[in-house]
N, C-alpha and C. Protein backbone atom coordinates (compact mmCIF):
# COMPACT_ATOMS: atom_id res chain seq x y z
N MET A 1 0.84 -1.18 0.00
CA MET A 1 0.00 0.00 0.00
C MET A 1 0.88 1.24 0.00
N GLU A 2 0.63 2.10 -0.96
CA GLU A 2 1.40 3.33 -1.04
C GLU A 2 0.89 4.32 -0.01
N HIS A 3 1.81 5.00 0.68
CA HIS A 3 1.39 6.06 1.56
C HIS A 3 2.44 7.14 1.55
N ARG A 4 2.01 8.31 1.91
CA ARG A 4 2.91 9.46 1.81
C ARG A 4 3.74 9.60 3.07
N SER A 5 5.04 9.81 2.89
CA SER A 5 5.95 9.91 4.02
C SER A 5 5.68 11.17 4.84
N ARG A 6 6.03 11.12 6.10
CA ARG A 6 5.86 12.27 6.98
C ARG A 6 7.20 12.57 7.65
N HIS A 7 7.89 13.58 7.14
CA HIS A 7 9.22 13.91 7.66
C HIS A 7 9.30 15.42 7.91
N ARG A 8 8.38 15.97 8.68
CA ARG A 8 8.32 17.42 8.83
C ARG A 8 9.62 17.99 9.43
N ASP A 9 10.23 17.25 10.33
CA ASP A 9 11.44 17.75 10.97
C ASP A 9 12.60 17.85 9.99
N LEU A 10 12.53 17.13 8.87
CA LEU A 10 13.63 17.13 7.92
C LEU A 10 13.69 18.40 7.09
N SER A 11 12.62 19.17 7.07
CA SER A 11 12.63 20.39 6.27
C SER A 11 13.61 21.41 6.82
N ILE A 12 13.98 21.27 8.11
CA ILE A 12 14.89 22.24 8.71
C ILE A 12 16.31 22.11 8.14
N PRO A 13 16.95 20.92 8.18
CA PRO A 13 18.26 20.82 7.55
C PRO A 13 18.21 21.03 6.05
N CYS A 14 17.13 20.64 5.41
CA CYS A 14 17.00 20.86 3.98
C CYS A 14 17.01 22.35 3.67
N ALA A 15 16.23 23.12 4.46
CA ALA A 15 16.14 24.56 4.23
C ALA A 15 17.48 25.25 4.44
N ASP A 16 18.26 24.75 5.39
CA ASP A 16 19.56 25.37 5.67
C ASP A 16 20.53 25.20 4.50
N LEU A 17 20.44 24.08 3.80
CA LEU A 17 21.41 23.76 2.76
C LEU A 17 20.91 24.00 1.34
N GLY A 18 19.61 24.07 1.17
CA GLY A 18 19.06 24.08 -0.18
C GLY A 18 18.55 25.42 -0.65
N VAL A 19 18.06 25.40 -1.89
CA VAL A 19 17.47 26.58 -2.53
C VAL A 19 15.99 26.29 -2.76
N THR A 20 15.13 27.17 -2.27
CA THR A 20 13.69 26.97 -2.38
C THR A 20 13.17 27.58 -3.67
N LYS A 21 12.36 26.80 -4.40
CA LYS A 21 11.76 27.29 -5.63
C LYS A 21 10.27 26.96 -5.64
N HIS A 22 9.52 27.84 -6.29
CA HIS A 22 8.07 27.69 -6.38
C HIS A 22 7.67 27.44 -7.82
N TYR A 23 6.69 26.55 -8.00
CA TYR A 23 6.25 26.18 -9.35
C TYR A 23 4.74 26.28 -9.45
N SER A 24 4.27 26.63 -10.64
CA SER A 24 2.84 26.68 -10.93
C SER A 24 2.44 25.39 -11.63
N PRO A 25 1.15 25.06 -11.64
CA PRO A 25 0.70 23.86 -12.35
C PRO A 25 1.14 23.88 -13.82
N SER A 26 1.59 22.73 -14.29
CA SER A 26 2.07 22.53 -15.67
C SER A 26 3.51 23.01 -15.88
N ASP A 27 4.14 23.60 -14.86
CA ASP A 27 5.56 23.97 -15.00
C ASP A 27 6.41 22.70 -15.13
N ILE A 28 7.34 22.74 -16.06
CA ILE A 28 8.27 21.62 -16.20
C ILE A 28 9.42 21.82 -15.21
N ILE A 29 9.49 20.94 -14.23
CA ILE A 29 10.51 21.05 -13.19
C ILE A 29 11.83 20.47 -13.67
N LEU A 30 11.76 19.35 -14.36
CA LEU A 30 12.93 18.76 -15.00
C LEU A 30 12.54 18.39 -16.42
N ALA A 31 13.30 18.89 -17.39
CA ALA A 31 13.03 18.56 -18.78
C ALA A 31 13.64 17.20 -19.12
N ALA A 32 13.11 16.56 -20.14
CA ALA A 32 13.56 15.21 -20.51
C ALA A 32 15.03 15.20 -20.93
N ASP A 33 15.54 16.34 -21.43
CA ASP A 33 16.93 16.37 -21.88
C ASP A 33 17.88 16.84 -20.78
N GLN A 34 17.36 16.98 -19.56
CA GLN A 34 18.19 17.37 -18.43
C GLN A 34 18.56 16.15 -17.61
N SER A 35 19.74 16.14 -17.07
CA SER A 35 20.12 15.08 -16.13
C SER A 35 19.89 15.60 -14.72
N ALA A 36 19.33 14.76 -13.86
CA ALA A 36 19.05 15.16 -12.48
C ALA A 36 20.35 15.24 -11.69
N LYS A 37 20.77 16.46 -11.33
CA LYS A 37 22.00 16.65 -10.59
C LYS A 37 21.73 17.08 -9.15
N LYS A 38 20.44 17.22 -8.81
CA LYS A 38 20.07 17.63 -7.46
C LYS A 38 18.94 16.76 -6.95
N VAL A 39 18.73 16.82 -5.65
CA VAL A 39 17.62 16.11 -5.02
C VAL A 39 16.67 17.16 -4.46
N GLY A 40 15.38 16.99 -4.72
CA GLY A 40 14.40 17.94 -4.24
C GLY A 40 13.60 17.39 -3.07
N PHE A 41 13.38 18.22 -2.06
CA PHE A 41 12.50 17.88 -0.94
C PHE A 41 11.22 18.68 -1.15
N VAL A 42 10.12 17.98 -1.43
CA VAL A 42 8.85 18.64 -1.75
C VAL A 42 8.20 19.13 -0.45
N LEU A 43 8.07 20.43 -0.33
CA LEU A 43 7.43 21.00 0.86
C LEU A 43 5.91 20.93 0.75
N ASN A 44 5.39 21.23 -0.44
CA ASN A 44 3.95 21.15 -0.66
C ASN A 44 3.70 21.02 -2.16
N GLY A 45 2.49 20.60 -2.49
CA GLY A 45 2.13 20.46 -3.90
C GLY A 45 2.25 19.03 -4.39
N CYS A 46 2.39 18.88 -5.69
CA CYS A 46 2.45 17.55 -6.30
C CYS A 46 3.23 17.62 -7.60
N VAL A 47 4.09 16.63 -7.80
CA VAL A 47 4.91 16.53 -9.02
C VAL A 47 4.73 15.14 -9.62
N THR A 48 4.54 15.08 -10.92
CA THR A 48 4.44 13.81 -11.63
C THR A 48 5.66 13.64 -12.51
N THR A 49 6.22 12.42 -12.52
CA THR A 49 7.33 12.13 -13.41
C THR A 49 6.90 11.12 -14.46
N GLN A 50 7.47 11.27 -15.65
CA GLN A 50 7.16 10.36 -16.75
C GLN A 50 8.40 10.15 -17.59
N ALA A 51 8.49 8.97 -18.16
CA ALA A 51 9.61 8.64 -19.05
C ALA A 51 9.13 8.74 -20.49
N ILE A 52 10.05 9.07 -21.37
CA ILE A 52 9.73 9.20 -22.79
C ILE A 52 10.60 8.21 -23.57
N SER A 53 9.94 7.28 -24.25
CA SER A 53 10.67 6.25 -24.99
C SER A 53 11.25 6.83 -26.28
N THR A 54 12.08 6.02 -26.95
CA THR A 54 12.72 6.47 -28.18
C THR A 54 11.71 6.75 -29.29
N ASN A 55 10.55 6.10 -29.23
CA ASN A 55 9.52 6.34 -30.26
C ASN A 55 8.51 7.39 -29.81
N GLY A 56 8.80 8.06 -28.70
CA GLY A 56 7.95 9.16 -28.26
C GLY A 56 6.82 8.77 -27.33
N GLN A 57 6.74 7.51 -26.93
CA GLN A 57 5.67 7.09 -26.04
C GLN A 57 5.95 7.57 -24.62
N ILE A 58 4.91 8.11 -23.98
CA ILE A 58 5.04 8.62 -22.62
C ILE A 58 4.57 7.57 -21.62
N VAL A 59 5.40 7.28 -20.62
CA VAL A 59 5.08 6.28 -19.61
C VAL A 59 5.08 6.95 -18.24
N TRP A 60 3.93 6.89 -17.55
CA TRP A 60 3.83 7.45 -16.21
C TRP A 60 4.73 6.67 -15.26
N LEU A 61 5.48 7.40 -14.41
CA LEU A 61 6.42 6.75 -13.50
C LEU A 61 6.03 6.88 -12.03
N ASP A 62 5.83 8.10 -11.58
CA ASP A 62 5.64 8.28 -10.14
C ASP A 62 4.99 9.62 -9.85
N GLU A 63 4.59 9.79 -8.60
CA GLU A 63 3.98 11.03 -8.14
C GLU A 63 4.60 11.39 -6.81
N PHE A 64 4.95 12.66 -6.65
CA PHE A 64 5.65 13.12 -5.45
C PHE A 64 4.81 14.18 -4.75
N HIS A 65 4.48 13.92 -3.48
CA HIS A 65 3.67 14.84 -2.69
C HIS A 65 4.53 15.48 -1.60
N ALA A 66 3.87 16.25 -0.74
CA ALA A 66 4.58 16.94 0.34
C ALA A 66 5.38 15.97 1.19
N GLU A 67 6.59 16.40 1.52
CA GLU A 67 7.50 15.68 2.42
C GLU A 67 8.04 14.38 1.83
N THR A 68 8.23 14.39 0.51
CA THR A 68 8.91 13.28 -0.16
C THR A 68 10.06 13.86 -0.99
N PHE A 69 10.94 12.98 -1.42
CA PHE A 69 12.15 13.40 -2.14
C PHE A 69 12.00 13.08 -3.63
N ILE A 70 12.39 14.01 -4.47
CA ILE A 70 12.37 13.79 -5.91
C ILE A 70 13.81 13.81 -6.43
N GLY A 71 14.13 12.86 -7.30
CA GLY A 71 15.48 12.77 -7.83
C GLY A 71 16.41 11.97 -6.95
N LEU A 72 15.86 11.29 -5.94
CA LEU A 72 16.70 10.56 -4.99
C LEU A 72 17.40 9.38 -5.64
N ALA A 73 16.64 8.55 -6.38
CA ALA A 73 17.24 7.38 -7.02
C ALA A 73 18.30 7.80 -8.02
N GLU A 74 18.01 8.85 -8.80
CA GLU A 74 18.96 9.30 -9.82
C GLU A 74 20.24 9.87 -9.22
N SER A 75 20.17 10.32 -7.95
CA SER A 75 21.37 10.86 -7.32
C SER A 75 22.38 9.77 -7.01
N PHE A 76 21.90 8.53 -6.84
CA PHE A 76 22.79 7.41 -6.57
C PHE A 76 23.10 6.61 -7.82
N ALA A 77 22.14 6.53 -8.74
CA ALA A 77 22.33 5.76 -9.98
C ALA A 77 21.67 6.53 -11.12
N PRO A 78 22.41 7.43 -11.77
CA PRO A 78 21.84 8.24 -12.85
C PRO A 78 21.18 7.38 -13.92
N SER A 79 20.00 7.82 -14.36
CA SER A 79 19.24 7.08 -15.37
C SER A 79 19.60 7.54 -16.77
N SER A 80 19.67 6.59 -17.70
CA SER A 80 19.92 6.93 -19.10
C SER A 80 18.61 7.16 -19.85
N VAL A 81 17.48 6.93 -19.17
CA VAL A 81 16.16 7.12 -19.79
C VAL A 81 15.72 8.57 -19.57
N PRO A 82 15.31 9.26 -20.63
CA PRO A 82 14.83 10.65 -20.46
C PRO A 82 13.61 10.70 -19.56
N ILE A 83 13.70 11.44 -18.46
CA ILE A 83 12.61 11.54 -17.51
C ILE A 83 12.22 13.01 -17.35
N GLU A 84 10.92 13.26 -17.39
CA GLU A 84 10.38 14.61 -17.27
C GLU A 84 9.58 14.72 -15.99
N ALA A 85 9.74 15.82 -15.28
CA ALA A 85 8.99 16.07 -14.04
C ALA A 85 8.15 17.32 -14.22
N ILE A 86 6.86 17.22 -13.90
CA ILE A 86 5.93 18.32 -14.13
C ILE A 86 5.12 18.57 -12.85
N ALA A 87 4.97 19.83 -12.48
CA ALA A 87 4.12 20.19 -11.34
C ALA A 87 2.67 20.07 -11.78
N THR A 88 1.86 19.38 -10.97
CA THR A 88 0.44 19.23 -11.30
C THR A 88 -0.44 20.13 -10.44
N GLU A 89 0.17 20.84 -9.49
CA GLU A 89 -0.52 21.84 -8.68
C GLU A 89 0.54 22.78 -8.14
N PRO A 90 0.16 23.92 -7.54
CA PRO A 90 1.19 24.81 -6.99
C PRO A 90 2.12 24.04 -6.06
N THR A 91 3.41 24.14 -6.33
CA THR A 91 4.39 23.28 -5.65
C THR A 91 5.60 24.07 -5.18
N THR A 92 6.09 23.73 -4.00
CA THR A 92 7.33 24.32 -3.48
C THR A 92 8.32 23.21 -3.19
N ILE A 93 9.53 23.37 -3.71
CA ILE A 93 10.58 22.35 -3.55
C ILE A 93 11.86 23.00 -3.05
N ILE A 94 12.49 22.35 -2.08
CA ILE A 94 13.83 22.74 -1.67
C ILE A 94 14.82 21.85 -2.42
N TRP A 95 15.68 22.45 -3.22
CA TRP A 95 16.66 21.69 -4.00
C TRP A 95 18.00 21.67 -3.29
N LEU A 96 18.55 20.46 -3.15
CA LEU A 96 19.84 20.29 -2.50
C LEU A 96 20.83 19.65 -3.48
N LYS A 97 22.08 20.03 -3.35
CA LYS A 97 23.12 19.38 -4.15
C LYS A 97 23.25 17.93 -3.70
N THR A 98 23.54 17.07 -4.65
CA THR A 98 23.65 15.64 -4.35
C THR A 98 24.67 15.38 -3.25
N LYS A 99 25.79 16.07 -3.30
CA LYS A 99 26.84 15.86 -2.29
C LYS A 99 26.36 16.26 -0.90
N ASP A 100 25.49 17.27 -0.82
CA ASP A 100 24.97 17.68 0.49
C ASP A 100 23.98 16.65 1.03
N VAL A 101 23.20 16.04 0.13
CA VAL A 101 22.27 14.99 0.56
C VAL A 101 23.05 13.80 1.11
N HIS A 102 24.11 13.41 0.40
CA HIS A 102 24.92 12.28 0.85
C HIS A 102 25.59 12.61 2.19
N ALA A 103 26.05 13.85 2.36
CA ALA A 103 26.69 14.24 3.61
C ALA A 103 25.68 14.23 4.76
N LEU A 104 24.48 14.74 4.50
CA LEU A 104 23.44 14.73 5.53
C LEU A 104 23.11 13.30 5.95
N ALA A 105 23.05 12.41 4.96
CA ALA A 105 22.73 11.01 5.25
C ALA A 105 23.78 10.37 6.14
N GLN A 106 25.04 10.76 5.95
CA GLN A 106 26.12 10.21 6.76
C GLN A 106 26.12 10.78 8.17
N ASP A 107 25.73 12.05 8.30
CA ASP A 107 25.82 12.73 9.58
C ASP A 107 24.55 12.61 10.43
N ASP A 108 23.42 12.38 9.79
CA ASP A 108 22.14 12.39 10.50
C ASP A 108 21.42 11.06 10.30
N PRO A 109 21.43 10.18 11.31
CA PRO A 109 20.79 8.86 11.17
C PRO A 109 19.31 8.96 10.82
N GLU A 110 18.59 9.94 11.39
CA GLU A 110 17.17 10.07 11.10
C GLU A 110 16.95 10.44 9.64
N PHE A 111 17.81 11.29 9.13
CA PHE A 111 17.72 11.67 7.72
C PHE A 111 17.98 10.46 6.83
N MET A 112 18.95 9.64 7.20
CA MET A 112 19.26 8.43 6.43
C MET A 112 18.06 7.48 6.44
N VAL A 113 17.43 7.31 7.60
CA VAL A 113 16.26 6.44 7.68
C VAL A 113 15.14 6.97 6.79
N ALA A 114 14.95 8.28 6.78
CA ALA A 114 13.90 8.87 5.95
C ALA A 114 14.18 8.65 4.47
N LEU A 115 15.42 8.83 4.06
CA LEU A 115 15.79 8.56 2.67
C LEU A 115 15.54 7.11 2.30
N ASN A 116 15.98 6.21 3.16
CA ASN A 116 15.81 4.77 2.88
C ASN A 116 14.34 4.39 2.80
N ARG A 117 13.53 4.94 3.70
CA ARG A 117 12.10 4.63 3.72
C ARG A 117 11.43 5.12 2.43
N ASP A 118 11.74 6.35 2.07
CA ASP A 118 11.16 6.93 0.86
C ASP A 118 11.56 6.12 -0.38
N PHE A 119 12.84 5.80 -0.47
CA PHE A 119 13.35 5.04 -1.61
C PHE A 119 12.73 3.65 -1.66
N ALA A 120 12.65 2.99 -0.50
CA ALA A 120 12.11 1.62 -0.46
C ALA A 120 10.64 1.59 -0.84
N GLU A 121 9.87 2.57 -0.38
CA GLU A 121 8.45 2.62 -0.71
C GLU A 121 8.24 2.79 -2.21
N ARG A 122 9.03 3.67 -2.81
CA ARG A 122 8.86 3.90 -4.25
C ARG A 122 9.33 2.70 -5.06
N LEU A 123 10.40 2.08 -4.64
CA LEU A 123 10.88 0.88 -5.33
C LEU A 123 9.84 -0.23 -5.24
N ASN A 124 9.24 -0.38 -4.06
CA ASN A 124 8.22 -1.41 -3.88
C ASN A 124 7.01 -1.14 -4.78
N ASN A 125 6.58 0.12 -4.84
CA ASN A 125 5.41 0.44 -5.66
C ASN A 125 5.68 0.23 -7.15
N ARG A 126 6.87 0.59 -7.59
CA ARG A 126 7.19 0.38 -9.01
C ARG A 126 7.29 -1.11 -9.32
N THR A 127 7.84 -1.88 -8.38
CA THR A 127 7.94 -3.33 -8.58
C THR A 127 6.54 -3.95 -8.65
N MET A 128 5.65 -3.51 -7.77
CA MET A 128 4.29 -4.03 -7.77
C MET A 128 3.59 -3.71 -9.08
N ARG A 129 3.76 -2.49 -9.58
CA ARG A 129 3.11 -2.14 -10.85
C ARG A 129 3.66 -2.98 -11.99
N LEU A 130 4.95 -3.29 -11.97
CA LEU A 130 5.55 -4.13 -13.00
C LEU A 130 4.96 -5.53 -12.96
N ILE A 131 4.83 -6.08 -11.76
CA ILE A 131 4.25 -7.42 -11.60
C ILE A 131 2.79 -7.42 -12.04
N GLU A 132 2.06 -6.39 -11.62
CA GLU A 132 0.64 -6.30 -11.97
C GLU A 132 0.43 -6.18 -13.47
N ALA A 133 1.36 -5.54 -14.16
CA ALA A 133 1.22 -5.34 -15.61
C ALA A 133 1.16 -6.66 -16.37
N VAL A 134 1.79 -7.70 -15.81
CA VAL A 134 1.83 -8.99 -16.52
C VAL A 134 0.98 -10.06 -15.85
N THR A 135 0.43 -9.77 -14.67
CA THR A 135 -0.32 -10.81 -13.97
C THR A 135 -1.80 -10.45 -13.77
N LEU A 136 -2.16 -9.18 -13.88
CA LEU A 136 -3.54 -8.78 -13.61
C LEU A 136 -4.25 -8.30 -14.87
N SER A 137 -5.58 -8.42 -14.84
CA SER A 137 -6.39 -7.84 -15.90
C SER A 137 -6.37 -6.32 -15.75
N ALA A 138 -6.84 -5.61 -16.77
CA ALA A 138 -6.87 -4.15 -16.69
C ALA A 138 -7.76 -3.67 -15.54
N PRO A 139 -8.98 -4.24 -15.35
CA PRO A 139 -9.77 -3.83 -14.18
C PRO A 139 -9.07 -4.14 -12.86
N GLY A 140 -8.34 -5.26 -12.81
CA GLY A 140 -7.61 -5.60 -11.60
C GLY A 140 -6.53 -4.58 -11.29
N ARG A 141 -5.87 -4.09 -12.33
CA ARG A 141 -4.83 -3.07 -12.14
C ARG A 141 -5.45 -1.76 -11.66
N VAL A 142 -6.63 -1.44 -12.15
CA VAL A 142 -7.31 -0.23 -11.70
C VAL A 142 -7.65 -0.34 -10.21
N CYS A 143 -8.17 -1.49 -9.80
CA CYS A 143 -8.49 -1.69 -8.38
C CYS A 143 -7.24 -1.61 -7.51
N ALA A 144 -6.14 -2.19 -7.99
CA ALA A 144 -4.89 -2.15 -7.24
C ALA A 144 -4.39 -0.72 -7.09
N GLU A 145 -4.52 0.08 -8.14
CA GLU A 145 -4.06 1.46 -8.08
C GLU A 145 -4.91 2.30 -7.14
N LEU A 146 -6.22 2.08 -7.17
CA LEU A 146 -7.10 2.80 -6.24
C LEU A 146 -6.75 2.45 -4.79
N ALA A 147 -6.43 1.19 -4.55
CA ALA A 147 -6.02 0.78 -3.20
C ALA A 147 -4.74 1.50 -2.78
N ARG A 148 -3.79 1.65 -3.72
CA ARG A 148 -2.54 2.34 -3.40
C ARG A 148 -2.77 3.82 -3.14
N MET A 149 -3.73 4.40 -3.84
CA MET A 149 -3.98 5.84 -3.72
C MET A 149 -4.75 6.19 -2.45
N ALA A 150 -5.33 5.20 -1.80
CA ALA A 150 -6.23 5.46 -0.66
C ALA A 150 -5.47 5.72 0.64
N SER A 151 -6.10 6.49 1.50
CA SER A 151 -5.60 6.76 2.85
C SER A 151 -6.69 6.40 3.85
N PRO A 152 -6.31 6.01 5.09
CA PRO A 152 -7.33 5.68 6.10
C PRO A 152 -8.27 6.85 6.34
N LEU A 153 -9.54 6.54 6.51
CA LEU A 153 -10.55 7.56 6.77
C LEU A 153 -10.86 7.56 8.26
N GLY A 154 -10.46 8.61 8.95
CA GLY A 154 -10.68 8.69 10.39
C GLY A 154 -9.66 7.86 11.14
N THR A 155 -9.89 7.69 12.43
CA THR A 155 -8.93 6.98 13.29
C THR A 155 -9.24 5.49 13.41
N ALA A 156 -10.47 5.10 13.10
CA ALA A 156 -10.84 3.69 13.25
C ALA A 156 -10.14 2.80 12.24
N GLY A 157 -9.89 3.34 11.04
CA GLY A 157 -9.16 2.58 10.03
C GLY A 157 -9.99 1.56 9.29
N SER A 158 -11.33 1.56 9.49
CA SER A 158 -12.16 0.57 8.82
C SER A 158 -12.47 0.97 7.38
N SER A 159 -12.52 2.26 7.11
CA SER A 159 -12.78 2.77 5.77
C SER A 159 -11.58 3.54 5.24
N TRP A 160 -11.53 3.63 3.91
CA TRP A 160 -10.42 4.33 3.26
C TRP A 160 -10.99 5.34 2.28
N VAL A 161 -10.18 6.32 1.92
CA VAL A 161 -10.66 7.35 1.01
C VAL A 161 -9.58 7.70 -0.02
N VAL A 162 -10.03 7.91 -1.25
CA VAL A 162 -9.17 8.45 -2.30
C VAL A 162 -9.63 9.89 -2.51
N ARG A 163 -8.79 10.83 -2.12
CA ARG A 163 -9.15 12.24 -2.17
C ARG A 163 -7.97 13.06 -2.66
N PRO A 164 -8.16 13.97 -3.61
CA PRO A 164 -9.41 14.31 -4.29
C PRO A 164 -9.83 13.22 -5.27
N ASN A 165 -11.00 13.40 -5.86
CA ASN A 165 -11.50 12.42 -6.81
C ASN A 165 -10.48 12.22 -7.91
N PRO A 166 -10.03 11.00 -8.15
CA PRO A 166 -8.99 10.77 -9.15
C PRO A 166 -9.47 11.10 -10.56
N ILE A 167 -8.57 11.64 -11.35
CA ILE A 167 -8.84 11.90 -12.77
C ILE A 167 -8.60 10.59 -13.51
N PHE A 168 -9.63 10.09 -14.20
CA PHE A 168 -9.54 8.76 -14.80
C PHE A 168 -8.42 8.65 -15.82
N VAL A 169 -8.14 9.72 -16.55
CA VAL A 169 -7.05 9.69 -17.52
C VAL A 169 -5.72 9.44 -16.81
N ASN A 170 -5.53 10.08 -15.66
CA ASN A 170 -4.29 9.90 -14.91
C ASN A 170 -4.17 8.49 -14.34
N VAL A 171 -5.29 7.94 -13.85
CA VAL A 171 -5.26 6.57 -13.35
C VAL A 171 -4.92 5.61 -14.49
N ALA A 172 -5.49 5.86 -15.67
CA ALA A 172 -5.21 5.01 -16.83
C ALA A 172 -3.73 5.04 -17.19
N LEU A 173 -3.10 6.20 -17.11
CA LEU A 173 -1.67 6.30 -17.40
C LEU A 173 -0.86 5.49 -16.39
N ARG A 174 -1.28 5.51 -15.14
CA ARG A 174 -0.56 4.78 -14.10
C ARG A 174 -0.56 3.28 -14.35
N VAL A 175 -1.66 2.75 -14.91
CA VAL A 175 -1.80 1.30 -15.04
C VAL A 175 -1.74 0.84 -16.49
N SER A 176 -1.30 1.72 -17.38
CA SER A 176 -1.17 1.38 -18.81
C SER A 176 -2.48 0.85 -19.38
N SER A 177 -3.54 1.61 -19.15
CA SER A 177 -4.85 1.23 -19.64
C SER A 177 -5.50 2.44 -20.30
N THR A 178 -6.83 2.46 -20.38
CA THR A 178 -7.54 3.56 -21.01
C THR A 178 -8.51 4.20 -20.02
N ARG A 179 -8.88 5.43 -20.33
CA ARG A 179 -9.84 6.13 -19.48
C ARG A 179 -11.17 5.37 -19.42
N GLU A 180 -11.57 4.80 -20.55
CA GLU A 180 -12.83 4.07 -20.60
C GLU A 180 -12.81 2.86 -19.66
N THR A 181 -11.69 2.15 -19.62
CA THR A 181 -11.58 1.00 -18.73
C THR A 181 -11.66 1.42 -17.28
N VAL A 182 -10.99 2.52 -16.94
CA VAL A 182 -11.04 3.02 -15.56
C VAL A 182 -12.48 3.41 -15.20
N SER A 183 -13.15 4.11 -16.11
CA SER A 183 -14.51 4.54 -15.85
C SER A 183 -15.45 3.35 -15.66
N ARG A 184 -15.33 2.34 -16.54
CA ARG A 184 -16.18 1.16 -16.42
C ARG A 184 -15.92 0.42 -15.11
N THR A 185 -14.64 0.31 -14.74
CA THR A 185 -14.28 -0.41 -13.52
C THR A 185 -14.83 0.29 -12.28
N VAL A 186 -14.65 1.61 -12.21
CA VAL A 186 -15.15 2.37 -11.07
C VAL A 186 -16.67 2.29 -11.00
N THR A 187 -17.33 2.38 -12.15
CA THR A 187 -18.79 2.27 -12.18
C THR A 187 -19.25 0.90 -11.67
N LYS A 188 -18.60 -0.16 -12.14
CA LYS A 188 -18.96 -1.51 -11.71
C LYS A 188 -18.72 -1.69 -10.21
N MET A 189 -17.58 -1.23 -9.72
CA MET A 189 -17.28 -1.37 -8.29
C MET A 189 -18.26 -0.57 -7.44
N THR A 190 -18.72 0.56 -7.97
CA THR A 190 -19.71 1.37 -7.26
C THR A 190 -21.05 0.64 -7.20
N GLN A 191 -21.43 0.04 -8.31
CA GLN A 191 -22.69 -0.71 -8.36
C GLN A 191 -22.67 -1.90 -7.40
N LEU A 192 -21.49 -2.50 -7.23
CA LEU A 192 -21.35 -3.65 -6.33
C LEU A 192 -21.21 -3.24 -4.87
N GLY A 193 -21.08 -1.93 -4.63
CA GLY A 193 -20.92 -1.46 -3.25
C GLY A 193 -19.49 -1.53 -2.74
N VAL A 194 -18.56 -1.85 -3.64
CA VAL A 194 -17.15 -1.91 -3.25
C VAL A 194 -16.59 -0.50 -3.09
N LEU A 195 -17.07 0.42 -3.92
CA LEU A 195 -16.69 1.83 -3.86
C LEU A 195 -17.94 2.66 -3.61
N ASP A 196 -17.73 3.80 -2.99
CA ASP A 196 -18.83 4.74 -2.74
C ASP A 196 -18.36 6.11 -3.21
N ARG A 197 -18.92 6.57 -4.33
CA ARG A 197 -18.47 7.83 -4.93
C ARG A 197 -19.17 9.03 -4.30
N HIS A 198 -18.37 10.05 -3.96
CA HIS A 198 -18.88 11.30 -3.41
C HIS A 198 -18.28 12.45 -4.20
N VAL A 199 -18.82 13.63 -4.00
CA VAL A 199 -18.22 14.81 -4.62
C VAL A 199 -16.85 15.04 -3.99
N GLY A 200 -15.81 14.95 -4.79
CA GLY A 200 -14.46 15.21 -4.30
C GLY A 200 -13.74 14.02 -3.71
N ALA A 201 -14.38 12.83 -3.68
CA ALA A 201 -13.69 11.69 -3.07
C ALA A 201 -14.36 10.38 -3.45
N ILE A 202 -13.60 9.31 -3.35
CA ILE A 202 -14.12 7.95 -3.47
C ILE A 202 -13.86 7.24 -2.15
N ILE A 203 -14.91 6.71 -1.53
CA ILE A 203 -14.79 6.01 -0.27
C ILE A 203 -14.69 4.51 -0.53
N ILE A 204 -13.78 3.85 0.17
CA ILE A 204 -13.66 2.39 0.12
C ILE A 204 -14.10 1.87 1.49
N PRO A 205 -15.37 1.42 1.62
CA PRO A 205 -15.88 1.00 2.93
C PRO A 205 -15.13 -0.19 3.52
N ASP A 206 -14.70 -1.12 2.64
CA ASP A 206 -14.04 -2.35 3.10
C ASP A 206 -12.89 -2.65 2.14
N MET A 207 -11.67 -2.39 2.58
CA MET A 207 -10.51 -2.57 1.71
C MET A 207 -10.35 -4.03 1.29
N ASP A 208 -10.70 -4.97 2.15
CA ASP A 208 -10.58 -6.38 1.81
C ASP A 208 -11.45 -6.74 0.62
N ARG A 209 -12.65 -6.16 0.54
CA ARG A 209 -13.52 -6.41 -0.60
C ARG A 209 -12.89 -5.91 -1.89
N LEU A 210 -12.28 -4.72 -1.84
CA LEU A 210 -11.61 -4.19 -3.03
C LEU A 210 -10.46 -5.10 -3.43
N HIS A 211 -9.70 -5.58 -2.46
CA HIS A 211 -8.57 -6.49 -2.76
C HIS A 211 -9.06 -7.76 -3.45
N GLY A 212 -10.31 -8.16 -3.18
CA GLY A 212 -10.85 -9.34 -3.80
C GLY A 212 -11.02 -9.21 -5.30
N TYR A 213 -11.02 -7.98 -5.80
CA TYR A 213 -11.17 -7.74 -7.24
C TYR A 213 -9.83 -7.43 -7.91
N ILE A 214 -8.75 -7.53 -7.16
CA ILE A 214 -7.41 -7.32 -7.74
C ILE A 214 -6.96 -8.67 -8.30
N ARG A 215 -7.34 -8.93 -9.53
CA ARG A 215 -7.06 -10.23 -10.13
C ARG A 215 -7.00 -10.11 -11.65
């Protein structure tokens, strides 16, 4: 299950060493012809990354929210695949030099744990999507992605919520499917009572029931 990291205390050392930049929606944060030479700590907003194949096909890669690191993997193992990063809402990022990130990791155990956790979560999610691409049906992949996007609703933890309401085109990009398939799947799950659609959110009353359709 994907969840967003919470490292509020880490913004202090980041702010001391980095340069803060603000982005508007649709701003290109990293162009495909740029190599990632810095690591960004996202203070707020949302960034989407995508890879561009040699034939021009765009492949959705990841999404970065508040208190997560962007460019972390590339700082340790530079990628030869052109990757583009785009702000999807007003976003603020503290950019740090790669050498400063590595130095912080060596000097601050908590910072190292945060980096490792963030990296491990993203690696796990990408691995799961790769496995799902060859083992699940398209509706199954949609259900799996909705489960990853969900957060616990309230303190009881019995229900989950996807908020804001996901854009079906974006979900389709995540699972290498079509908007129509996402729409049909969500409609079917709603009719079955697996999902409960509201203005601005999708409620998952019973996560185990949704998992039953990940096949």
